C-alpha cells in the first residue's frame, strides 16, 4: 500500500476515476428524474435508459478491449472522456426520449472503450506486488462514488434542476481528461508496452481471437469468470427487484431503498479497505465466501419480509451492508487475479471479455428477475436467488482443489504462453 501512495501516476489515474464516477452518478439520477417525472415516461421507457448504457458494454466489450491493446491507452481514455463530455451537453437540449436514448447508447460505447483502457493503464503503472491493493482501492472508489454521487445529484437536481447537473457531469469528464493528460503514454522500461507499436504484424481479428484464446487457456481465470458471471446473473434476479420486495412490508419507510443502497456501498467500501490491508488473501475461496454471503443476506431479507418483521429500518440496511461487503469479496479478488495473471499487452482484450460477460449478466438478470417475480411472486424469487447462490458456492468449494491445481499448472507454463502470444 505504501508503494501506491508514492506512485504519482497511479494516484492521478485513481483521481480521474473518482471524478468521472461521481459524474456518472450525477447524470444518472438527473436523467431518471427528467424522464420519469418531467416527461412521465412509462416503466419500460425508464428501463431502456439502463439498457442503453449497458448494451454497448455487452456487445462491444471484447472488441473494445482489443482496441485498447492496439491503440495508445492514454489517448483512448482522453478521447472517450472528451466525447462523453460533449454528449452529456447534448442532453441539456434534448426534448424527446429518443434523443436521450441515442446519447446514452453512444456514451455507453465510449465507456466500453474507456474501461479496458483504464485497466490496461493500471497494469502499466502499478508494480506486481501492489496490484491486489490497487484493485481494492479501485473498488473503494467505485463504492464511495455510489454513495456520494446519488446524494449530490439529489441535492443539485432539487436545488438547480437537471440541466445544471448535466453541465456539472460534463465538467467532471473534462477534469478527468485533463488528469489523464498528465499520465505517461507508456511505462518506460516495460517490454510489454512495446507490443502495440504500429509495426505489430497482428491483424485486429487475430488480436481479438488471441484475447478469447488466452482466457480459454487459463483454467483458473476461466472458472473464476464462470463463477463471477453466473453469480452476478443470479444476483441480478433479485437485486433489481428489492424495491418490489419492500412493498410487501406493512411498516416500511419511504426512504428504506435509499438506505439499503447506501449501506451496500458502505459494505463494499469496508471490504475494499480490508482487502487493501490484507493483500495476501487466497482469491478463489474468498470469491466463494462472497457468493455465500450474498445468498445468505438475500435469503434472510426474504424471510424477514415474508413474516413482516418490524424494525426494517434496521435489519434491511444491515443485510444490505452484508450483501455489499460480500459482493466485494467476489469482484476484487477476481479482478486482482486477472491483473496479476494477464500480461500488460493483453489486459485490454482480457478485461474486454470479462466486461462483456458481466454486463450481459446485468442485462439478462433483471429481465429474468422481473418475469420470475411476476409469475411466481417476489418472495419466492428472492428465496430462489438465495438458494442458487448458496448451491453455487458449495459446488465451488467441491471443485476448489482442481481449480487451484489449474492455477499452479498455468503459472508453470506462463513463460511459454507469453512467448507464444508475443510471437
Protein backbone atom coordinates (compact mmCIF):
# COMPACT_ATOMS: atom_id res chain seq x y z
CA UNK A 1 0.00 0.00 0.00
CA UNK A 2 2.91 2.36 0.78
CA UNK A 3 4.19 1.86 -2.76
CA UNK A 4 0.85 3.01 -4.17
CA UNK A 5 0.87 6.21 -2.12
CA UNK A 6 4.24 7.09 -3.63
CA UNK A 7 3.12 6.25 -7.17
CA UNK A 8 2.18 9.66 -8.62
CA UNK A 9 0.83 8.30 -11.92
CA UNK A 10 -1.39 5.76 -10.16
CA UNK A 11 -2.82 8.43 -7.85
CA UNK A 12 -3.61 10.62 -10.88
CA UNK A 13 -5.42 7.71 -12.57
CA UNK A 14 -7.45 7.00 -9.42
CA UNK A 15 -8.33 10.68 -9.05
CA UNK A 16 -9.57 10.73 -12.65
CA UNK A 17 -11.63 7.58 -12.00
CA UNK A 18 -13.19 9.06 -8.86
CA UNK A 19 -14.16 12.34 -10.54
CA UNK A 20 -15.70 10.68 -13.61
CA UNK A 21 -17.53 8.06 -11.47
CA UNK A 22 -19.16 10.79 -9.40
CA UNK A 23 -20.17 12.46 -12.66
CA UNK A 24 -21.75 9.21 -13.89
CA UNK A 25 -23.97 9.01 -10.82
CA UNK A 26 -24.80 12.72 -11.02
CA UNK A 27 -26.17 12.39 -14.55
CA UNK A 28 -27.90 9.04 -13.95
CA UNK A 29 -30.14 10.39 -11.20
CA UNK A 30 -30.76 13.57 -13.22
CA UNK A 31 -31.74 11.61 -16.35
CA UNK A 32 -34.15 9.33 -14.47
CA UNK A 33 -35.65 12.39 -12.74
CA UNK A 34 -36.05 14.22 -16.06
CA UNK A 35 -37.51 11.28 -17.98
CA UNK A 36 -39.53 9.72 -15.15
CA UNK A 37 -41.02 12.83 -13.53
CA UNK A 38 -40.96 15.67 -16.05
CA UNK A 39 -41.73 13.57 -19.15
CA UNK A 40 -43.89 10.94 -17.35
CA UNK A 41 -42.13 8.04 -19.08
CA UNK A 42 -43.52 4.53 -18.68
CA UNK A 43 -41.67 1.94 -16.56
CA UNK A 44 -40.43 0.21 -19.73
CA UNK A 45 -39.14 3.52 -21.15
CA UNK A 46 -37.26 4.13 -17.91
CA UNK A 47 -35.75 0.62 -18.01
CA UNK A 48 -34.43 1.33 -21.53
CA UNK A 49 -32.24 4.05 -20.02
CA UNK A 50 -30.18 1.45 -18.16
CA UNK A 51 -30.25 -0.84 -21.19
CA UNK A 52 -28.84 1.88 -23.49
CA UNK A 53 -25.81 2.28 -21.22
CA UNK A 54 -25.25 -1.43 -20.59
CA UNK A 55 -25.86 -2.88 -24.06
CA UNK A 56 -22.72 -1.38 -25.72
CA UNK A 57 -20.53 -2.89 -22.98
CA UNK A 58 -22.07 -6.32 -23.52
CA UNK A 59 -21.86 -6.18 -27.31
CA UNK A 60 -18.56 -4.36 -27.76
CA UNK A 61 -16.58 -5.47 -24.67
CA UNK A 62 -14.12 -7.84 -26.42
CA UNK A 63 -13.77 -5.57 -29.47
CA UNK A 64 -13.19 -2.51 -27.28
CA UNK A 65 -10.63 -4.49 -25.28
CA UNK A 66 -8.75 -5.39 -28.46
CA UNK A 67 -8.75 -1.74 -29.47
CA UNK A 68 -7.42 -0.79 -26.03
CA UNK A 69 -4.45 -3.13 -26.60
CA UNK A 70 -3.64 -1.83 -30.10
CA UNK A 71 -4.12 1.92 -29.66
CA UNK A 72 -2.39 4.14 -27.09
CA UNK A 73 -4.42 3.76 -23.90
CA UNK A 74 -3.85 7.30 -22.68
CA UNK A 75 -5.19 8.73 -25.94
CA UNK A 76 -8.19 6.37 -25.88
CA UNK A 77 -9.15 7.42 -22.36
CA UNK A 78 -8.81 11.14 -23.15
CA UNK A 79 -10.87 10.85 -26.35
CA UNK A 80 -13.51 8.81 -24.51
CA UNK A 81 -13.78 11.44 -21.75
CA UNK A 82 -13.96 14.36 -24.18
CA UNK A 83 -16.61 12.74 -26.39
CA UNK A 84 -18.72 11.82 -23.36
CA UNK A 85 -18.38 15.39 -22.05
CA UNK A 86 -19.87 16.63 -25.35
CA UNK A 87 -22.65 14.04 -25.39
CA UNK A 88 -23.74 14.95 -21.85
CA UNK A 89 -24.11 18.56 -23.05
CA UNK A 90 -26.47 17.36 -25.80
CA UNK A 91 -28.78 16.11 -23.03
CA UNK A 92 -29.25 19.72 -21.87
CA UNK A 93 -31.15 20.48 -25.10
CA UNK A 94 -32.80 17.07 -25.63
CA UNK A 95 -36.57 17.37 -26.00
CA UNK A 96 -37.51 13.77 -26.84
CA UNK A 97 -36.73 10.47 -25.17
CA UNK A 98 -35.33 9.17 -28.47
CA UNK A 99 -32.52 11.74 -28.35
CA UNK A 100 -31.78 10.66 -24.76
CA UNK A 101 -31.54 7.02 -25.85
CA UNK A 102 -29.16 7.82 -28.71
CA UNK A 103 -26.91 9.92 -26.45
CA UNK A 104 -26.82 7.29 -23.72
CA UNK A 105 -26.09 4.47 -26.15
CA UNK A 106 -23.18 6.44 -27.64
CA UNK A 107 -21.92 7.28 -24.15
CA UNK A 108 -22.08 3.55 -23.42
CA UNK A 109 -19.94 2.83 -26.50
CA UNK A 110 -17.17 5.17 -25.34
CA UNK A 111 -17.47 3.86 -21.77
CA UNK A 112 -16.93 0.36 -23.19
CA UNK A 113 -13.65 1.63 -24.67
CA UNK A 114 -12.60 3.54 -21.54
CA UNK A 115 -12.87 0.64 -19.04
CA UNK A 116 -10.40 -1.85 -20.63
CA UNK A 117 -8.04 1.03 -21.50
CA UNK A 118 -8.07 2.14 -17.84
CA UNK A 119 -7.43 -1.39 -16.59
CA UNK A 120 -4.56 -1.80 -19.04
CA UNK A 121 -3.07 1.52 -17.96
CA UNK A 122 -3.35 0.49 -14.32
CA UNK A 123 -1.33 -2.64 -15.10
CA UNK A 124 1.33 -0.44 -16.73
CA UNK A 125 1.58 1.94 -13.78
CA UNK A 126 1.47 -0.42 -10.77
CA UNK A 127 4.14 -2.87 -9.67
CA UNK A 128 3.01 -6.51 -9.49
CA UNK A 129 3.29 -6.68 -5.69
CA UNK A 130 0.89 -3.71 -5.38
CA UNK A 131 -1.77 -4.92 -7.85
CA UNK A 132 -4.08 -6.53 -5.28
CA UNK A 133 -4.06 -3.39 -3.15
CA UNK A 134 -4.61 -1.28 -6.28
CA UNK A 135 -7.73 -3.25 -7.26
CA UNK A 136 -9.07 -2.89 -3.71
CA UNK A 137 -8.58 0.88 -3.86
CA UNK A 138 -10.36 0.96 -7.23
CA UNK A 139 -13.33 -0.86 -5.68
CA UNK A 140 -13.34 1.52 -2.72
CA UNK A 141 -13.52 4.47 -5.11
CA UNK A 142 -16.43 2.88 -7.00
CA UNK A 143 -18.36 2.14 -3.81
CA UNK A 144 -17.67 5.62 -2.39
CA UNK A 145 -19.00 7.33 -5.51
CA UNK A 146 -22.06 5.05 -5.34
CA UNK A 147 -22.82 6.73 -2.00
CA UNK A 148 -21.70 10.30 -2.75
CA UNK A 149 -22.91 10.61 -6.36
CA UNK A 150 -26.66 9.95 -5.88
CA UNK A 151 -26.68 12.10 -2.72
CA UNK A 152 -25.11 15.08 -4.51
CA UNK A 153 -27.30 14.57 -7.56
CA UNK A 154 -30.47 14.58 -5.48
CA UNK A 155 -29.40 17.83 -3.82
CA UNK A 156 -28.37 19.52 -7.09
CA UNK A 157 -31.43 18.38 -9.07
CA UNK A 158 -33.72 19.69 -6.33
CA UNK A 159 -31.84 22.98 -5.97
CA UNK A 160 -30.80 23.78 -9.56
CA UNK A 161 -32.60 21.38 -11.91
CA UNK A 162 -31.46 18.50 -14.13
CA UNK A 163 -29.78 20.68 -16.78
CA UNK A 164 -27.33 22.15 -14.27
CA UNK A 165 -26.37 18.61 -13.23
CA UNK A 166 -25.65 17.74 -16.88
CA UNK A 167 -23.26 20.72 -17.08
CA UNK A 168 -21.53 19.53 -13.90
CA UNK A 169 -21.22 15.99 -15.27
CA UNK A 170 -19.68 17.34 -18.48
CA UNK A 171 -17.12 19.21 -16.38
CA UNK A 172 -16.22 16.02 -14.49
CA UNK A 173 -15.36 14.30 -17.79
CA UNK A 174 -13.23 17.30 -18.81
CA UNK A 175 -11.44 17.23 -15.44
CA UNK A 176 -10.80 13.51 -15.86
CA UNK A 177 -9.35 14.09 -19.36
CA UNK A 178 -7.02 16.81 -18.03
CA UNK A 179 -5.76 14.50 -15.29
CA UNK A 180 -5.19 11.66 -17.75
CA UNK A 181 -3.20 14.08 -19.92
CA UNK A 182 -0.59 14.13 -17.13
CA UNK A 183 -0.03 10.36 -17.41
CA UNK A 184 2.87 8.93 -19.44
CA UNK A 185 1.98 7.38 -22.82
CA UNK A 186 3.66 4.11 -21.87
CA UNK A 187 5.58 2.91 -18.87
CA UNK A 188 9.23 3.41 -19.67
CA UNK A 189 11.24 0.24 -19.44
CA UNK A 190 8.25 -2.04 -19.83
CA UNK A 191 8.96 -4.55 -22.54
CA UNK A 192 5.27 -5.36 -22.84
CA UNK A 193 4.38 -1.78 -23.66
CA UNK A 194 6.19 -2.12 -26.97
CA UNK A 195 3.90 -4.88 -28.13
CA UNK A 196 1.37 -2.43 -29.54
CA UNK A 197 3.58 -0.44 -31.83
CA UNK A 198 2.38 0.25 -35.39
CA UNK A 199 4.90 -2.30 -36.61
CA UNK A 200 2.95 -5.06 -34.92
CA UNK A 201 2.05 -7.63 -37.56
CA UNK A 202 -1.08 -8.95 -35.87
CA UNK A 203 -4.36 -8.08 -37.51
CA UNK A 204 -7.26 -6.77 -35.46
CA UNK A 205 -9.12 -10.06 -35.96
CA UNK A 206 -6.14 -12.12 -34.76
CA UNK A 207 -5.73 -9.91 -31.71
CA UNK A 208 -9.41 -10.32 -30.88
CA UNK A 209 -9.19 -14.13 -31.16
CA UNK A 210 -5.98 -14.09 -29.12
CA UNK A 211 -7.79 -12.43 -26.20
CA UNK A 212 -10.51 -15.11 -26.25
CA UNK A 213 -7.90 -17.87 -26.56
CA UNK A 214 -5.92 -16.57 -23.62
CA UNK A 215 -8.98 -16.77 -21.37
CA UNK A 216 -9.68 -20.32 -22.59
CA UNK A 217 -6.09 -21.40 -21.94
CA UNK A 218 -6.12 -20.18 -18.32
CA UNK A 219 -8.36 -22.62 -16.46
CA UNK A 220 -8.15 -20.66 -13.22
CA UNK A 221 -9.34 -17.41 -14.81
CA UNK A 222 -11.95 -19.21 -16.87
CA UNK A 223 -13.51 -20.88 -13.81
CA UNK A 224 -13.31 -17.58 -11.93
CA UNK A 225 -15.11 -15.81 -14.79
CA UNK A 226 -17.76 -18.54 -14.81
CA UNK A 227 -18.48 -18.12 -11.09
CA UNK A 228 -18.41 -14.33 -11.41
CA UNK A 229 -20.78 -14.28 -14.40
CA UNK A 230 -23.22 -16.88 -13.04
CA UNK A 231 -23.32 -15.40 -9.53
CA UNK A 232 -23.86 -11.92 -10.98
CA UNK A 233 -26.67 -13.23 -13.18
CA UNK A 234 -28.35 -14.93 -10.21
CA UNK A 235 -27.79 -11.88 -8.01
CA UNK A 236 -29.48 -9.62 -10.54
CA UNK A 237 -32.64 -11.75 -10.43
CA UNK A 238 -33.44 -10.16 -7.07
CA UNK A 239 -31.13 -7.15 -6.79
CA UNK A 240 -33.20 -5.30 -9.39
CA UNK A 241 -36.41 -6.20 -7.52
CA UNK A 242 -35.53 -5.03 -3.99
CA UNK A 243 -37.90 -2.08 -4.26
CA UNK A 244 -40.72 -4.53 -5.10
CA UNK A 245 -39.84 -6.70 -2.08
CA UNK A 246 -40.01 -3.68 0.23
CA UNK A 247 -43.58 -3.01 -0.88
CA UNK A 248 -44.56 -6.27 0.83
CA UNK A 249 -43.74 -4.79 4.25
CA UNK A 250 -46.60 -3.26 6.22
CA UNK A 251 -44.38 -0.77 8.02
CA UNK A 252 -41.70 0.49 5.68
CA UNK A 253 -40.00 3.88 5.46
CA UNK A 254 -40.27 5.58 2.03
CA UNK A 255 -36.51 6.12 2.18
CA UNK A 256 -35.70 2.49 3.01
CA UNK A 257 -34.50 1.63 -0.50
CA UNK A 258 -32.04 4.53 -0.43
CA UNK A 259 -30.74 3.37 2.96
CA UNK A 260 -30.15 -0.14 1.59
CA UNK A 261 -28.25 1.20 -1.44
CA UNK A 262 -26.13 3.45 0.77
CA UNK A 263 -25.46 0.60 3.23
CA UNK A 264 -24.45 -1.64 0.33
CA UNK A 265 -21.96 0.99 -0.80
CA UNK A 266 -20.58 1.28 2.74
CA UNK A 267 -20.20 -2.51 2.90
CA UNK A 268 -18.27 -2.54 -0.38
CA UNK A 269 -16.06 0.28 0.88
CA UNK A 270 -15.29 -1.55 4.14
CA UNK A 271 -14.42 -4.83 2.43
CA UNK A 272 -12.28 -2.92 -0.08
CA UNK A 273 -10.43 -1.32 2.84
CA UNK A 274 -9.96 -4.74 4.46
CA UNK A 275 -8.59 -6.29 1.25
CA UNK A 276 -6.25 -3.33 0.75
CA UNK A 277 -4.55 -4.16 4.04
CA UNK A 278 -4.67 -7.97 3.65
CA UNK A 279 -3.27 -8.44 0.15
CA UNK A 280 -2.01 -12.00 0.69
CA UNK A 281 -5.55 -13.45 0.56
CA UNK A 282 -6.42 -16.62 -1.44
CA UNK A 283 -8.63 -15.32 -4.26
CA UNK A 284 -10.81 -18.32 -5.14
CA UNK A 285 -12.03 -19.27 -1.61
CA UNK A 286 -12.72 -15.60 -0.91
CA UNK A 287 -14.89 -15.37 -4.04
CA UNK A 288 -16.91 -18.39 -2.92
CA UNK A 289 -17.31 -16.92 0.56
CA UNK A 290 -18.60 -13.72 -1.04
CA UNK A 291 -21.16 -15.63 -3.14
CA UNK A 292 -22.31 -17.44 0.02
CA UNK A 293 -22.60 -14.13 1.92
CA UNK A 294 -24.77 -12.54 -0.77
CA UNK A 295 -27.04 -15.60 -0.84
CA UNK A 296 -27.40 -15.57 2.94
CA UNK A 297 -28.28 -11.85 3.08
CA UNK A 298 -30.88 -12.12 0.30
CA UNK A 299 -32.43 -15.22 1.86
CA UNK A 300 -32.76 -13.62 5.31
CA UNK A 301 -34.22 -10.48 3.70
CA UNK A 302 -36.91 -12.62 2.03
CA UNK A 303 -37.70 -14.50 5.28
CA UNK A 304 -37.97 -11.29 7.34
CA UNK A 305 -40.21 -9.74 4.68
CA UNK A 306 -42.40 -12.84 4.48
CA UNK A 307 -43.07 -12.68 8.24
CA UNK A 308 -43.36 -8.89 8.05
CA UNK A 309 -40.87 -8.31 10.86
CA UNK A 310 -40.85 -4.86 12.40
CA UNK A 311 -37.67 -2.80 12.52
CA UNK A 312 -36.99 -2.97 8.79
CA UNK A 313 -35.26 0.40 9.08
CA UNK A 314 -32.55 -1.52 10.99
CA UNK A 315 -32.41 -5.05 9.58
CA UNK A 316 -32.83 -4.15 5.88
CA UNK A 317 -29.80 -1.77 5.73
CA UNK A 318 -27.75 -4.24 7.83
CA UNK A 319 -28.46 -7.01 5.32
CA UNK A 320 -27.65 -4.56 2.51
CA UNK A 321 -24.34 -3.87 4.26
CA UNK A 322 -23.60 -7.61 4.41
CA UNK A 323 -24.51 -8.06 0.74
CA UNK A 324 -22.25 -5.18 -0.30
CA UNK A 325 -19.40 -6.43 1.90
CA UNK A 326 -19.75 -9.93 0.39
CA UNK A 327 -20.01 -8.61 -3.18
CA UNK A 328 -16.56 -7.03 -2.97
CA UNK A 329 -15.18 -10.41 -1.89
CA UNK A 330 -16.35 -11.71 -5.27
CA UNK A 331 -15.27 -8.85 -7.54
CA UNK A 332 -12.00 -7.61 -6.04
CA UNK A 333 -10.11 -10.94 -5.75
CA UNK A 334 -11.11 -11.94 -9.28
CA UNK A 335 -10.06 -8.65 -10.84
CA UNK A 336 -6.82 -8.63 -8.84
CA UNK A 337 -6.02 -12.16 -10.07
CA UNK A 338 -6.90 -11.06 -13.59
CA UNK A 339 -4.42 -8.19 -13.35
CA UNK A 340 -1.70 -10.40 -11.89
CA UNK A 341 -2.05 -13.28 -14.37
CA UNK A 342 -2.53 -11.24 -17.55
CA UNK A 343 0.47 -9.74 -19.39
CA UNK A 344 0.20 -5.98 -19.82
CA UNK A 345 -0.19 -6.13 -23.61
CA UNK A 346 -3.23 -8.46 -23.19
CA UNK A 347 -5.11 -6.63 -20.43
CA UNK A 348 -7.44 -4.70 -22.72
CA UNK A 349 -8.59 -7.81 -24.57
CA UNK A 350 -8.99 -9.92 -21.44
CA UNK A 351 -10.84 -7.22 -19.48
CA UNK A 352 -12.98 -6.59 -22.55
CA UNK A 353 -14.12 -10.23 -22.49
CA UNK A 354 -14.81 -10.03 -18.74
CA UNK A 355 -16.77 -6.76 -19.07
CA UNK A 356 -18.85 -8.30 -21.84
CA UNK A 357 -19.75 -11.32 -19.69
CA UNK A 358 -20.58 -9.30 -16.57
CA UNK A 359 -22.58 -6.67 -18.46
CA UNK A 360 -24.56 -9.38 -20.27
CA UNK A 361 -25.42 -10.82 -16.85
CA UNK A 362 -26.62 -7.41 -15.63
CA UNK A 363 -28.88 -7.13 -18.68
CA UNK A 364 -30.39 -10.63 -18.65
CA UNK A 365 -30.67 -10.89 -14.84
CA UNK A 366 -33.13 -8.01 -14.24
CA UNK A 367 -35.31 -9.05 -17.19
CA UNK A 368 -35.47 -12.65 -15.98
CA UNK A 369 -35.97 -11.49 -12.38
CA UNK A 370 -38.90 -9.30 -13.41
CA UNK A 371 -40.51 -12.24 -15.17
CA UNK A 372 -39.98 -14.57 -12.19
CA UNK A 373 -41.40 -12.01 -9.75
CA UNK A 374 -44.45 -11.52 -11.97
CA UNK A 375 -45.10 -15.25 -12.50
CA UNK A 376 -44.23 -16.69 -9.08
CA UNK A 377 -44.10 -13.75 -6.67
CA UNK A 378 -41.33 -11.59 -5.25
CA UNK A 379 -40.58 -13.63 -2.09
CA UNK A 380 -40.18 -16.96 -3.98
CA UNK A 381 -37.85 -15.11 -6.40
CA UNK A 382 -35.63 -13.98 -3.52
CA UNK A 383 -35.66 -17.47 -1.96
CA UNK A 384 -34.69 -18.97 -5.34
CA UNK A 385 -31.87 -16.43 -5.74
CA UNK A 386 -30.51 -17.16 -2.26
CA UNK A 387 -30.72 -20.93 -2.79
CA UNK A 388 -28.94 -20.82 -6.15
CA UNK A 389 -26.13 -18.65 -4.78
CA UNK A 390 -25.61 -20.96 -1.78
CA UNK A 391 -25.61 -24.04 -4.04
CA UNK A 392 -23.15 -22.33 -6.40
CA UNK A 393 -20.74 -21.60 -3.53
CA UNK A 394 -20.97 -25.22 -2.30
CA UNK A 395 -20.20 -26.54 -5.79
CA UNK A 396 -17.28 -24.14 -5.96
CA UNK A 397 -15.81 -25.50 -2.73
CA UNK A 398 -16.13 -29.08 -4.02
CA UNK A 399 -14.08 -28.30 -7.16
CA UNK A 400 -11.68 -25.99 -5.29
CA UNK A 401 -8.69 -28.34 -5.42
CA UNK A 402 -8.99 -28.89 -9.18
CA UNK A 403 -9.30 -25.18 -9.87
CA UNK A 404 -6.30 -24.25 -7.74
CA UNK A 405 -4.28 -27.04 -9.38
CA UNK A 406 -5.10 -25.38 -12.69
CA UNK A 407 -3.62 -22.14 -11.39
CA UNK A 408 -0.35 -23.88 -10.49
CA UNK A 409 -0.18 -25.51 -13.94
CA UNK A 410 -0.76 -22.17 -15.66
CA UNK A 411 1.87 -20.48 -13.51
CA UNK A 412 4.44 -23.08 -14.51
CA UNK A 413 3.57 -22.75 -18.18
CA UNK A 414 3.19 -18.98 -18.20
CA UNK A 415 6.58 -18.04 -19.71
CA UNK A 416 5.92 -20.24 -22.73
CA UNK A 417 2.47 -18.80 -23.07
CA UNK A 418 3.81 -15.28 -23.08
CA UNK A 419 6.38 -16.09 -25.68
CA UNK A 420 3.69 -17.55 -27.88
CA UNK A 421 1.47 -14.51 -27.54
CA UNK A 422 4.35 -12.19 -28.26
CA UNK A 423 5.14 -14.09 -31.44
